[in-house]
Amino acid sequence: MQILETTIDQPEYRKLEFRGKVILLDGEGYLVDDTDWSEALAAHMASLEGIALTEDHWQVIRFIRDHYLQFKGAPMPKIIVKRLNKKRGTEHFTIKGLFALFPQSPLRRACRYAGIPQPAECT
């Protein structure tokens, strides 16, 4: 992810400029203030990592964000898969599919794009 600079007064934070606004990120690239989140910012963050978000990405990101806002925690990957499949009425999503959508660390990356804190148990 392209980061402008670290802050002098809080070296554990980094700055990302987006649409004329400076967004603070923690050392792992997560939003410091979740109210800075927007779908446009999520798409920008993903593009900096070489990912073009598809409708499948958005379904996962929106589900994670909604879950966090309701329960104040990230859902486990199996919950994401189960609930999204139930909503669709098909077995479209799988754990393996999450790795294809969000390479290397699907829950961590999806949570970052959803604008929520890093989950304790990342896959």
C-alpha atoms as a PDB file:
ATOM      1  CA  MET A   1       0.000   0.000   0.000  1.00  0.00           C
ATOM      2  CA  GLN A   2       1.350   3.419  -0.881  1.00  0.00           C
ATOM      3  CA  ILE A   3       1.660   5.504   2.253  1.00  0.00           C
ATOM      4  CA  LEU A   4       2.656   9.149   2.228  1.00  0.00           C
ATOM      5  CA  GLU A   5       4.639   9.290   5.433  1.00  0.00           C
ATOM      6  CA  THR A   6       4.618   8.399   9.091  1.00  0.00           C
ATOM      7  CA  THR A   7       3.451  11.062  11.466  1.00  0.00           C
ATOM      8  CA  ILE A   8       6.078  12.715  13.631  1.00  0.00           C
ATOM      9  CA  ASP A   9       3.888  13.063  16.706  1.00  0.00           C
ATOM     10  CA  GLN A  10       2.549   9.482  16.457  1.00  0.00           C
ATOM     11  CA  PRO A  11       5.106   7.292  14.631  1.00  0.00           C
ATOM     12  CA  GLU A  12       2.855   4.226  14.906  1.00  0.00           C
ATOM     13  CA  TYR A  13       0.451   5.894  12.458  1.00  0.00           C
ATOM     14  CA  ARG A  14       0.835   6.494   8.741  1.00  0.00           C
ATOM     15  CA  LYS A  15      -0.935   8.914   6.436  1.00  0.00           C
ATOM     16  CA  LEU A  16      -2.773   8.183   3.206  1.00  0.00           C
ATOM     17  CA  GLU A  17      -4.051  11.061   1.096  1.00  0.00           C
ATOM     18  CA  PHE A  18      -7.389  10.394  -0.567  1.00  0.00           C
ATOM     19  CA  ARG A  19      -9.520  12.969  -2.379  1.00  0.00           C
ATOM     20  CA  GLY A  20      -7.783  15.856  -0.674  1.00  0.00           C
ATOM     21  CA  LYS A  21      -8.154  14.405   2.820  1.00  0.00           C
ATOM     22  CA  VAL A  22      -5.403  12.880   4.927  1.00  0.00           C
ATOM     23  CA  ILE A  23      -6.486   9.520   6.328  1.00  0.00           C
ATOM     24  CA  LEU A  24      -4.639   8.066   9.327  1.00  0.00           C
ATOM     25  CA  LEU A  25      -3.754   4.376   9.196  1.00  0.00           C
ATOM     26  CA  ASP A  26      -2.229   2.252  11.911  1.00  0.00           C
ATOM     27  CA  GLY A  27       1.039   0.398  11.414  1.00  0.00           C
ATOM     28  CA  GLU A  28      -0.750  -2.483   9.648  1.00  0.00           C
ATOM     29  CA  GLY A  29      -2.691  -0.248   7.237  1.00  0.00           C
ATOM     30  CA  TYR A  30      -6.055  -0.255   9.038  1.00  0.00           C
ATOM     31  CA  LEU A  31      -8.097   2.915   9.439  1.00  0.00           C
ATOM     32  CA  VAL A  32      -7.543   4.646  12.760  1.00  0.00           C
ATOM     33  CA  ASP A  33     -11.007   6.227  12.527  1.00  0.00           C
ATOM     34  CA  ASP A  34     -13.620   3.926  10.993  1.00  0.00           C
ATOM     35  CA  THR A  35     -15.772   6.936  10.106  1.00  0.00           C
ATOM     36  CA  ASP A  36     -13.197   7.766   7.405  1.00  0.00           C
ATOM     37  CA  TRP A  37     -14.377   4.665   5.519  1.00  0.00           C
ATOM     38  CA  SER A  38     -16.215   4.828   2.225  1.00  0.00           C
ATOM     39  CA  GLU A  39     -16.596   2.408  -0.637  1.00  0.00           C
ATOM     40  CA  ALA A  40     -14.476   4.731  -2.751  1.00  0.00           C
ATOM     41  CA  LEU A  41     -11.681   4.629  -0.168  1.00  0.00           C
ATOM     42  CA  ALA A  42     -11.935   0.825   0.021  1.00  0.00           C
ATOM     43  CA  ALA A  43     -11.621   0.593  -3.756  1.00  0.00           C
ATOM     44  CA  HIS A  44      -8.624   2.941  -3.656  1.00  0.00           C
ATOM     45  CA  MET A  45      -6.897   0.926  -0.931  1.00  0.00           C
ATOM     46  CA  ALA A  46      -7.479  -2.285  -2.880  1.00  0.00           C
ATOM     47  CA  SER A  47      -6.172  -0.729  -6.091  1.00  0.00           C
ATOM     48  CA  LEU A  48      -2.958   0.268  -4.301  1.00  0.00           C
ATOM     49  CA  GLU A  49      -2.488  -3.450  -3.626  1.00  0.00           C
ATOM     50  CA  GLY A  50      -3.311  -4.411  -7.209  1.00  0.00           C
ATOM     51  CA  ILE A  51      -6.854  -5.655  -6.579  1.00  0.00           C
ATOM     52  CA  ALA A  52      -9.854  -4.512  -8.622  1.00  0.00           C
ATOM     53  CA  LEU A  53     -12.902  -5.122  -6.462  1.00  0.00           C
ATOM     54  CA  THR A  54     -15.679  -7.196  -8.053  1.00  0.00           C
ATOM     55  CA  GLU A  55     -19.243  -7.700  -6.843  1.00  0.00           C
ATOM     56  CA  ASP A  56     -18.072 -10.796  -4.929  1.00  0.00           C
ATOM     57  CA  HIS A  57     -15.458  -8.689  -3.131  1.00  0.00           C
ATOM     58  CA  TRP A  58     -18.100  -6.097  -2.286  1.00  0.00           C
ATOM     59  CA  GLN A  59     -20.492  -8.699  -0.875  1.00  0.00           C
ATOM     60  CA  VAL A  60     -17.764  -9.884   1.489  1.00  0.00           C
ATOM     61  CA  ILE A  61     -16.622  -6.361   2.414  1.00  0.00           C
ATOM     62  CA  ARG A  62     -20.161  -5.114   3.067  1.00  0.00           C
ATOM     63  CA  PHE A  63     -21.012  -8.192   5.114  1.00  0.00           C
ATOM     64  CA  ILE A  64     -17.892  -7.761   7.263  1.00  0.00           C
ATOM     65  CA  ARG A  65     -18.564  -4.061   7.786  1.00  0.00           C
ATOM     66  CA  ASP A  66     -22.222  -4.609   8.683  1.00  0.00           C
ATOM     67  CA  HIS A  67     -21.269  -7.441  11.047  1.00  0.00           C
ATOM     68  CA  TYR A  68     -18.674  -5.243  12.741  1.00  0.00           C
ATOM     69  CA  LEU A  69     -21.076  -2.324  13.154  1.00  0.00           C
ATOM     70  CA  GLN A  70     -23.658  -4.634  14.700  1.00  0.00           C
ATOM     71  CA  PHE A  71     -21.443  -6.877  16.856  1.00  0.00           C
ATOM     72  CA  LYS A  72     -18.194  -4.840  17.249  1.00  0.00           C
ATOM     73  CA  GLY A  73     -16.093  -7.697  15.939  1.00  0.00           C
ATOM     74  CA  ALA A  74     -15.055  -9.316  12.693  1.00  0.00           C
ATOM     75  CA  PRO A  75     -16.894 -12.478  11.662  1.00  0.00           C
ATOM     76  CA  MET A  76     -15.018 -15.730  11.262  1.00  0.00           C
ATOM     77  CA  PRO A  77     -14.483 -16.807   7.636  1.00  0.00           C
ATOM     78  CA  LYS A  78     -16.885 -19.747   7.989  1.00  0.00           C
ATOM     79  CA  ILE A  79     -19.614 -17.332   9.141  1.00  0.00           C
ATOM     80  CA  ILE A  80     -18.958 -15.089   6.124  1.00  0.00           C
ATOM     81  CA  VAL A  81     -19.259 -18.055   3.761  1.00  0.00           C
ATOM     82  CA  LYS A  82     -22.343 -19.495   5.464  1.00  0.00           C
ATOM     83  CA  ARG A  83     -24.290 -16.218   5.672  1.00  0.00           C
ATOM     84  CA  LEU A  84     -23.452 -15.026   2.160  1.00  0.00           C
ATOM     85  CA  ASN A  85     -24.394 -18.401   0.690  1.00  0.00           C
ATOM     86  CA  LYS A  86     -27.667 -18.358   2.620  1.00  0.00           C
ATOM     87  CA  LYS A  87     -28.406 -14.874   1.322  1.00  0.00           C
ATOM     88  CA  ARG A  88     -27.658 -15.932  -2.271  1.00  0.00           C
ATOM     89  CA  GLY A  89     -29.426 -19.263  -1.981  1.00  0.00           C
ATOM     90  CA  THR A  90     -26.423 -21.036  -3.521  1.00  0.00           C
ATOM     91  CA  GLU A  91     -23.092 -22.477  -2.460  1.00  0.00           C
ATOM     92  CA  HIS A  92     -21.188 -19.734  -4.284  1.00  0.00           C
ATOM     93  CA  PHE A  93     -18.730 -18.722  -1.548  1.00  0.00           C
ATOM     94  CA  THR A  94     -16.110 -21.037  -0.013  1.00  0.00           C
ATOM     95  CA  ILE A  95     -13.125 -20.566   2.268  1.00  0.00           C
ATOM     96  CA  LYS A  96     -10.890 -21.354  -0.710  1.00  0.00           C
ATOM     97  CA  GLY A  97     -12.814 -18.731  -2.689  1.00  0.00           C
ATOM     98  CA  LEU A  98     -12.075 -16.118  -0.010  1.00  0.00           C
ATOM     99  CA  PHE A  99      -8.370 -16.795  -0.539  1.00  0.00           C
ATOM    100  CA  ALA A 100      -8.867 -16.267  -4.277  1.00  0.00           C
ATOM    101  CA  LEU A 101     -10.674 -12.959  -3.686  1.00  0.00           C
ATOM    102  CA  PHE A 102      -8.295 -11.681  -0.996  1.00  0.00           C
ATOM    103  CA  PRO A 103      -4.894 -13.374  -1.538  1.00  0.00           C
ATOM    104  CA  GLN A 104      -2.512 -14.273   1.283  1.00  0.00           C
ATOM    105  CA  SER A 105      -4.681 -13.237   4.217  1.00  0.00           C
ATOM    106  CA  PRO A 106      -8.352 -12.990   3.292  1.00  0.00           C
ATOM    107  CA  LEU A 107      -9.862 -11.959   6.606  1.00  0.00           C
ATOM    108  CA  ARG A 108      -7.120  -9.451   7.354  1.00  0.00           C
ATOM    109  CA  ARG A 109      -7.272  -7.877   3.889  1.00  0.00           C
ATOM    110  CA  ALA A 110     -11.085  -7.854   3.691  1.00  0.00           C
ATOM    111  CA  CYS A 111     -11.293  -6.219   7.127  1.00  0.00           C
ATOM    112  CA  ARG A 112      -8.793  -3.569   6.069  1.00  0.00           C
ATOM    113  CA  TYR A 113     -10.919  -2.743   3.010  1.00  0.00           C
ATOM    114  CA  ALA A 114     -14.071  -2.790   5.179  1.00  0.00           C
ATOM    115  CA  GLY A 115     -12.517  -0.108   7.375  1.00  0.00           C
ATOM    116  CA  ILE A 116     -12.608  -2.114  10.587  1.00  0.00           C
ATOM    117  CA  PRO A 117      -9.815  -2.992  13.030  1.00  0.00           C
ATOM    118  CA  GLN A 118      -7.571  -5.959  12.417  1.00  0.00           C
ATOM    119  CA  PRO A 119      -9.259  -9.080  13.760  1.00  0.00           C
ATOM    120  CA  ALA A 120      -7.507 -10.999  16.515  1.00  0.00           C
ATOM    121  CA  GLU A 121      -7.613 -14.285  14.607  1.00  0.00           C
ATOM    122  CA  CYS A 122      -6.548 -13.602  11.024  1.00  0.00           C
ATOM    123  CA  THR A 123      -6.437 -16.154   8.214  1.00  0.00           C
END
